[in-house]
N, C-alpha and C. Protein backbone atom coordinates (compact mmCIF):
# COMPACT_ATOMS: atom_id res chain seq x y z
N MET A 1 212.81 276.36 115.39
CA MET A 1 211.40 276.62 115.67
C MET A 1 211.16 276.42 117.17
N ASP A 2 210.56 277.42 117.81
CA ASP A 2 210.33 277.28 119.25
C ASP A 2 209.15 276.35 119.51
N THR A 3 208.99 275.98 120.76
CA THR A 3 207.99 274.99 121.16
C THR A 3 206.57 275.42 120.79
N LEU A 4 206.24 276.69 121.03
CA LEU A 4 204.90 277.18 120.72
C LEU A 4 204.60 277.07 119.23
N GLN A 5 205.54 277.47 118.41
CA GLN A 5 205.35 277.40 116.96
C GLN A 5 205.20 275.96 116.50
N LYS A 6 205.99 275.08 117.09
CA LYS A 6 205.91 273.65 116.74
C LYS A 6 204.54 273.10 117.11
N GLU A 7 204.05 273.47 118.30
CA GLU A 7 202.74 273.00 118.75
C GLU A 7 201.62 273.51 117.83
N LYS A 8 201.71 274.77 117.43
CA LYS A 8 200.71 275.34 116.52
C LYS A 8 200.70 274.58 115.20
N LYS A 9 201.89 274.32 114.68
CA LYS A 9 201.98 273.60 113.40
C LYS A 9 201.37 272.20 113.51
N GLU A 10 201.65 271.51 114.62
CA GLU A 10 201.08 270.18 114.83
C GLU A 10 199.55 270.24 114.89
N LEU A 11 199.03 271.25 115.59
CA LEU A 11 197.57 271.41 115.67
C LEU A 11 196.96 271.70 114.31
N LEU A 12 197.59 272.58 113.55
CA LEU A 12 197.08 272.89 112.21
C LEU A 12 197.06 271.65 111.32
N ASN A 13 198.13 270.87 111.38
CA ASN A 13 198.18 269.63 110.60
C ASN A 13 197.07 268.67 111.02
N TRP A 14 196.86 268.58 112.32
CA TRP A 14 195.81 267.69 112.82
C TRP A 14 194.44 268.17 112.37
N ILE A 15 194.18 269.48 112.50
CA ILE A 15 192.88 270.04 112.11
C ILE A 15 192.61 269.76 110.64
N GLU A 16 193.62 269.88 109.81
CA GLU A 16 193.44 269.61 108.38
C GLU A 16 193.03 268.17 108.12
N SER A 17 193.38 267.25 109.01
CA SER A 17 193.05 265.84 108.80
C SER A 17 191.72 265.43 109.43
N VAL A 18 191.12 266.30 110.23
CA VAL A 18 189.89 265.96 110.94
C VAL A 18 188.73 265.81 109.93
N GLU A 19 188.00 264.72 110.07
CA GLU A 19 186.84 264.46 109.21
C GLU A 19 185.52 264.53 109.98
N ASP A 20 185.60 264.50 111.30
CA ASP A 20 184.41 264.48 112.14
C ASP A 20 183.83 265.89 112.28
N PRO A 21 182.61 266.11 111.77
CA PRO A 21 182.00 267.45 111.84
C PRO A 21 181.83 267.95 113.28
N GLN A 22 181.60 267.05 114.23
CA GLN A 22 181.43 267.48 115.62
C GLN A 22 182.73 268.05 116.20
N ILE A 23 183.83 267.42 115.87
CA ILE A 23 185.11 267.93 116.34
C ILE A 23 185.36 269.31 115.75
N LEU A 24 185.07 269.48 114.48
CA LEU A 24 185.26 270.79 113.85
C LEU A 24 184.35 271.83 114.48
N GLU A 25 183.14 271.45 114.81
CA GLU A 25 182.21 272.37 115.49
C GLU A 25 182.74 272.75 116.87
N ASP A 26 183.30 271.77 117.57
CA ASP A 26 183.89 272.05 118.89
C ASP A 26 185.05 273.04 118.77
N ILE A 27 185.88 272.85 117.78
CA ILE A 27 187.01 273.77 117.56
C ILE A 27 186.48 275.16 117.23
N ARG A 28 185.46 275.22 116.40
CA ARG A 28 184.84 276.51 116.05
C ARG A 28 184.28 277.19 117.29
N SER A 29 183.67 276.42 118.17
CA SER A 29 183.11 276.98 119.41
C SER A 29 184.19 277.57 120.30
N VAL A 30 185.32 276.88 120.37
CA VAL A 30 186.44 277.40 121.16
C VAL A 30 186.90 278.73 120.56
N ARG A 31 187.02 278.78 119.26
CA ARG A 31 187.44 280.02 118.60
C ARG A 31 186.46 281.14 118.89
N GLU A 32 185.17 280.87 118.78
CA GLU A 32 184.15 281.88 119.02
C GLU A 32 184.15 282.33 120.47
N SER A 33 184.38 281.41 121.39
CA SER A 33 184.38 281.78 122.80
C SER A 33 185.56 282.71 123.12
N GLN A 34 186.64 282.56 122.38
CA GLN A 34 187.79 283.44 122.58
C GLN A 34 187.48 284.86 122.11
N LYS A 35 186.62 284.97 121.12
CA LYS A 35 186.23 286.29 120.61
C LYS A 35 185.23 286.95 121.54
N ALA A 36 184.44 286.14 122.21
CA ALA A 36 183.30 286.66 122.98
C ALA A 36 183.71 287.48 124.18
N ILE A 37 184.58 286.97 125.01
CA ILE A 37 184.94 287.66 126.25
C ILE A 37 186.46 287.64 126.41
N HIS A 38 186.99 288.81 126.64
CA HIS A 38 188.41 288.91 126.92
C HIS A 38 188.57 289.38 128.36
N TRP A 39 189.25 288.59 129.14
CA TRP A 39 189.41 288.85 130.56
C TRP A 39 189.82 290.30 130.82
N ASP A 40 190.78 290.79 130.07
CA ASP A 40 191.29 292.13 130.31
C ASP A 40 190.24 293.22 130.10
N SER A 41 189.22 292.93 129.32
CA SER A 41 188.20 293.94 129.04
C SER A 41 187.07 293.94 130.08
N LEU A 42 187.07 292.96 130.98
CA LEU A 42 186.02 292.90 131.99
C LEU A 42 186.27 293.92 133.09
N PRO A 43 185.19 294.50 133.64
CA PRO A 43 185.35 295.42 134.78
C PRO A 43 185.92 294.66 135.99
N ASP A 44 186.65 295.38 136.84
CA ASP A 44 187.30 294.76 138.00
C ASP A 44 186.30 294.03 138.90
N GLU A 45 185.11 294.61 139.11
CA GLU A 45 184.14 293.96 139.99
C GLU A 45 183.65 292.62 139.42
N ILE A 46 183.59 292.51 138.10
CA ILE A 46 183.21 291.24 137.47
C ILE A 46 184.34 290.23 137.66
N LYS A 47 185.56 290.66 137.42
CA LYS A 47 186.71 289.77 137.61
C LYS A 47 186.77 289.26 139.05
N GLU A 48 186.55 290.17 140.00
CA GLU A 48 186.58 289.78 141.42
C GLU A 48 185.50 288.75 141.72
N GLY A 49 184.31 288.93 141.17
CA GLY A 49 183.22 287.98 141.38
C GLY A 49 183.54 286.61 140.81
N ILE A 50 184.12 286.60 139.63
CA ILE A 50 184.51 285.33 139.00
C ILE A 50 185.58 284.65 139.83
N GLN A 51 186.58 285.41 140.27
CA GLN A 51 187.66 284.83 141.07
C GLN A 51 187.12 284.29 142.40
N LYS A 52 186.18 285.02 143.01
CA LYS A 52 185.58 284.56 144.26
C LYS A 52 184.82 283.25 144.02
N GLY A 53 184.05 283.20 142.95
CA GLY A 53 183.30 281.98 142.63
C GLY A 53 184.21 280.79 142.39
N ARG A 54 185.30 281.01 141.69
CA ARG A 54 186.27 279.93 141.46
C ARG A 54 186.87 279.45 142.77
N LYS A 55 187.22 280.39 143.66
CA LYS A 55 187.79 280.01 144.96
C LYS A 55 186.76 279.24 145.78
N ASP A 56 185.50 279.73 145.79
CA ASP A 56 184.45 279.02 146.53
C ASP A 56 184.31 277.59 146.01
N ALA A 57 184.31 277.43 144.71
CA ALA A 57 184.18 276.08 144.12
C ALA A 57 185.37 275.22 144.50
N LYS A 58 186.56 275.79 144.42
CA LYS A 58 187.77 275.04 144.76
C LYS A 58 187.75 274.61 146.23
N ASP A 59 187.23 275.48 147.09
CA ASP A 59 187.19 275.20 148.53
C ASP A 59 185.95 274.41 148.95
N GLY A 60 185.14 274.01 147.99
CA GLY A 60 183.98 273.19 148.29
C GLY A 60 182.77 273.95 148.80
N ARG A 61 182.78 275.27 148.69
CA ARG A 61 181.63 276.06 149.14
C ARG A 61 180.64 276.24 147.98
N VAL A 62 180.02 275.13 147.62
CA VAL A 62 179.04 275.13 146.53
C VAL A 62 177.82 274.33 146.96
N THR A 63 176.71 274.57 146.28
CA THR A 63 175.49 273.81 146.52
C THR A 63 175.11 273.12 145.23
N ASP A 64 174.82 271.85 145.32
CA ASP A 64 174.44 271.06 144.17
C ASP A 64 173.19 271.65 143.51
N HIS A 65 173.17 271.65 142.20
CA HIS A 65 172.06 272.20 141.43
C HIS A 65 170.72 271.56 141.83
N LYS A 66 170.72 270.26 142.05
CA LYS A 66 169.47 269.57 142.42
C LYS A 66 168.93 270.09 143.75
N GLU A 67 169.83 270.38 144.69
CA GLU A 67 169.40 270.91 145.99
C GLU A 67 168.78 272.30 145.83
N VAL A 68 169.39 273.10 145.02
CA VAL A 68 168.86 274.46 144.80
C VAL A 68 167.50 274.38 144.13
N ARG A 69 167.36 273.52 143.14
CA ARG A 69 166.06 273.37 142.46
C ARG A 69 164.98 272.95 143.44
N LYS A 70 165.32 272.03 144.36
CA LYS A 70 164.33 271.59 145.35
C LYS A 70 163.82 272.77 146.17
N SER A 71 164.73 273.64 146.58
CA SER A 71 164.31 274.75 147.43
C SER A 71 163.47 275.78 146.70
N TYR A 72 163.55 275.80 145.37
CA TYR A 72 162.76 276.75 144.58
C TYR A 72 161.66 276.08 143.77
N GLU A 73 161.43 274.80 144.06
CA GLU A 73 160.49 273.98 143.27
C GLU A 73 159.10 274.61 143.18
N LYS A 74 158.60 275.17 144.27
CA LYS A 74 157.25 275.71 144.25
C LYS A 74 157.11 276.91 143.31
N TRP A 75 158.21 277.56 142.96
CA TRP A 75 158.15 278.70 142.05
C TRP A 75 158.48 278.34 140.62
N LEU A 76 158.98 277.14 140.40
CA LEU A 76 159.39 276.73 139.06
C LEU A 76 158.27 276.07 138.30
């Protein structure tokens, strides 16, 4: 059995033993999110925007949410 198959089997066994409804809901959410958007199906311009945003965040070119809210406070 290869490593991936072994890991899947371990996860399945663990899921079967889970009793916490929140954990099961979290697993369900992950499954649903995988159905929702598939990277390969996104248009190139969307992929480029996401990649740019990730790079900006990694390089520290971000603005804290609280700062942005302050600047728009009069309209909110």
